[in-house]
N, C-alpha and C. Protein backbone atom coordinates (compact mmCIF):
# COMPACT_ATOMS: atom_id res chain seq x y z
N UNK A 1 117.69 106.83 97.68
CA UNK A 1 117.06 106.50 96.91
C UNK A 1 115.93 105.18 98.02
N UNK A 2 114.24 105.48 97.30
CA UNK A 2 113.90 105.47 98.43
C UNK A 2 113.16 103.43 97.94
N UNK A 3 113.09 103.18 98.74
CA UNK A 3 112.37 101.76 98.24
C UNK A 3 111.63 101.63 97.67
N UNK A 4 111.33 100.50 96.19
CA UNK A 4 110.34 100.43 95.54
C UNK A 4 108.75 100.43 96.51
N UNK A 5 108.95 99.24 97.95
CA UNK A 5 107.73 99.00 98.27
C UNK A 5 107.75 99.19 100.25
N UNK A 6 107.38 99.02 100.18
CA UNK A 6 106.49 99.42 102.10
C UNK A 6 107.24 98.58 102.24
N UNK A 7 108.80 98.12 103.20
CA UNK A 7 109.20 97.17 104.25
C UNK A 7 107.36 96.47 104.91
N UNK A 8 107.21 96.72 105.19
CA UNK A 8 106.08 97.17 106.59
C UNK A 8 105.02 95.81 105.55
N UNK A 9 104.36 96.53 104.62
CA UNK A 9 103.04 95.91 104.06
C UNK A 9 102.96 95.29 102.86
N UNK A 10 104.13 96.13 101.59
CA UNK A 10 104.51 95.81 100.45
C UNK A 10 103.63 96.27 99.61
N UNK A 11 102.88 97.41 99.87
CA UNK A 11 102.46 98.26 98.86
C UNK A 11 103.50 98.75 98.44
N UNK A 12 103.08 99.31 97.10
CA UNK A 12 104.48 100.59 96.18
C UNK A 12 104.56 101.74 96.76
N UNK A 13 105.61 101.78 97.47
CA UNK A 13 105.32 103.84 97.46
C UNK A 13 106.40 105.07 97.24
N UNK A 14 106.72 104.19 96.29
CA UNK A 14 108.07 105.19 94.86
C UNK A 14 107.37 105.53 94.46
N UNK A 15 106.46 105.15 93.73
CA UNK A 15 106.09 106.23 92.70
C UNK A 15 105.37 107.83 93.86
N UNK A 16 104.97 107.70 94.55
CA UNK A 16 104.63 108.54 95.31
C UNK A 16 105.72 109.55 95.88
N UNK A 17 106.64 108.83 95.84
CA UNK A 17 108.04 110.30 96.30
C UNK A 17 108.35 111.45 96.00
N UNK A 18 108.15 111.36 94.13
CA UNK A 18 108.04 113.00 93.25
C UNK A 18 107.55 113.88 93.65
N UNK A 19 106.11 113.41 93.99
CA UNK A 19 105.66 114.71 94.29
C UNK A 19 105.10 114.87 95.81
N UNK A 20 105.63 113.46 96.79
CA UNK A 20 105.02 113.89 97.80
C UNK A 20 106.39 115.33 98.42
N UNK A 21 107.70 114.71 97.83
CA UNK A 21 108.95 116.36 97.95
C UNK A 21 108.01 117.51 97.54
N UNK A 22 107.79 117.43 96.22
CA UNK A 22 107.54 118.85 95.77
C UNK A 22 106.65 119.34 96.22
N UNK A 23 105.49 119.15 96.94
CA UNK A 23 104.22 119.95 97.38
C UNK A 23 104.29 120.04 99.09
N UNK A 24 105.59 119.25 99.49
CA UNK A 24 106.54 119.20 100.90
C UNK A 24 106.73 120.93 100.61
N UNK A 25 108.11 120.77 99.62
CA UNK A 25 108.65 122.04 99.45
C UNK A 25 107.96 122.93 98.94
N UNK A 26 106.65 122.74 98.51
CA UNK A 26 105.71 123.73 98.47
C UNK A 26 104.96 124.81 99.32
N UNK A 27 104.68 123.93 101.03
CA UNK A 27 104.89 124.44 101.83
C UNK A 27 103.35 124.01 102.33
N UNK A 28 103.15 122.65 101.72
CA UNK A 28 102.15 121.38 102.24
C UNK A 28 102.55 121.33 103.29
N UNK A 29 101.05 121.13 104.37
CA UNK A 29 101.89 120.31 105.30
C UNK A 29 101.61 118.79 105.05
N UNK A 30 102.74 117.76 105.65
CA UNK A 30 102.74 116.13 105.13
C UNK A 30 101.59 115.64 105.46
N UNK A 31 100.98 115.30 106.25
CA UNK A 31 99.45 114.62 106.48
C UNK A 31 98.66 115.39 105.55
N UNK A 32 98.49 116.86 105.82
CA UNK A 32 97.62 116.65 104.05
C UNK A 32 98.02 115.76 102.44
N UNK A 33 99.18 116.12 102.04
CA UNK A 33 99.98 115.03 101.13
C UNK A 33 100.36 114.01 100.47
N UNK A 34 99.96 113.38 102.44
CA UNK A 34 99.75 111.61 102.10
C UNK A 34 98.49 111.32 102.45
N UNK A 35 97.43 111.96 103.22
CA UNK A 35 95.95 111.99 102.71
C UNK A 35 95.74 111.78 101.26
N UNK A 36 95.91 113.10 100.39
CA UNK A 36 96.14 113.45 99.37
C UNK A 36 96.75 112.06 98.72
N UNK A 37 97.39 111.78 98.91
CA UNK A 37 97.69 110.45 97.87
C UNK A 37 96.95 109.05 98.24
N UNK A 38 96.36 109.43 99.03
CA UNK A 38 96.32 107.58 99.73
C UNK A 38 96.76 107.23 100.38
N UNK A 39 98.16 107.84 101.28
CA UNK A 39 99.04 106.20 102.10
C UNK A 39 98.51 106.72 103.56
N UNK A 40 97.48 105.50 103.98
CA UNK A 40 96.69 105.27 104.65
C UNK A 40 97.26 104.82 106.33
N UNK A 41 98.40 104.04 105.59
CA UNK A 41 98.83 103.33 106.57
C UNK A 41 100.09 104.51 107.24
N UNK A 42 100.02 103.91 108.61
CA UNK A 42 101.41 104.32 108.98
C UNK A 42 102.73 103.85 109.04
N UNK A 43 102.89 103.01 108.65
CA UNK A 43 104.06 102.72 108.38
C UNK A 43 104.44 102.88 106.51
N UNK A 44 103.40 103.26 105.58
CA UNK A 44 103.90 103.65 104.31
C UNK A 44 104.18 104.93 104.41
N UNK A 45 103.46 105.90 105.35
CA UNK A 45 103.67 106.83 105.87
C UNK A 45 105.09 107.08 106.23
N UNK A 46 105.43 106.67 106.98
CA UNK A 46 106.56 106.52 107.94
C UNK A 46 107.98 106.20 106.72
N UNK A 47 107.50 105.70 105.58
CA UNK A 47 108.93 105.59 104.17
C UNK A 47 109.47 106.63 103.69
N UNK A 48 108.50 107.45 103.73
CA UNK A 48 108.30 108.92 102.86
C UNK A 48 108.47 109.99 103.82
N UNK A 49 108.10 109.96 104.66
CA UNK A 49 108.44 110.79 106.04
C UNK A 49 109.82 110.52 106.29
N UNK A 50 110.38 109.55 106.24
CA UNK A 50 111.84 109.56 107.38
C UNK A 50 112.68 109.25 106.60
N UNK A 51 112.59 109.90 105.57
CA UNK A 51 113.19 109.20 104.55
C UNK A 51 114.25 110.54 104.30
N UNK A 52 115.80 109.59 104.48
CA UNK A 52 116.62 110.94 104.04
C UNK A 52 117.87 110.70 102.93
N UNK A 53 117.60 111.50 102.08
CA UNK A 53 118.24 110.86 100.32
C UNK A 53 119.95 110.88 100.71
N UNK A 54 120.44 110.21 100.11
CA UNK A 54 122.00 109.72 100.27
C UNK A 54 122.79 109.76 98.88
N UNK A 55 121.69 110.37 98.14
CA UNK A 55 122.46 109.67 97.10
C UNK A 55 121.67 111.40 96.38
N UNK A 56 122.95 112.14 95.41
CA UNK A 56 122.41 113.21 94.91
C UNK A 56 122.28 113.52 93.27
């Protein structure tokens, strides 16, 4: 369960989570996916990169 907003700056990040996971699973580099999604702040980027799925 990913937080709806970035904990540091408050930007909504949950809307990008599914697309990020799908594209990374398809073999794209995380950096390229995050750049395409428009996530430029390192605080928002870490929300997606460091997320660990705890629910199935």
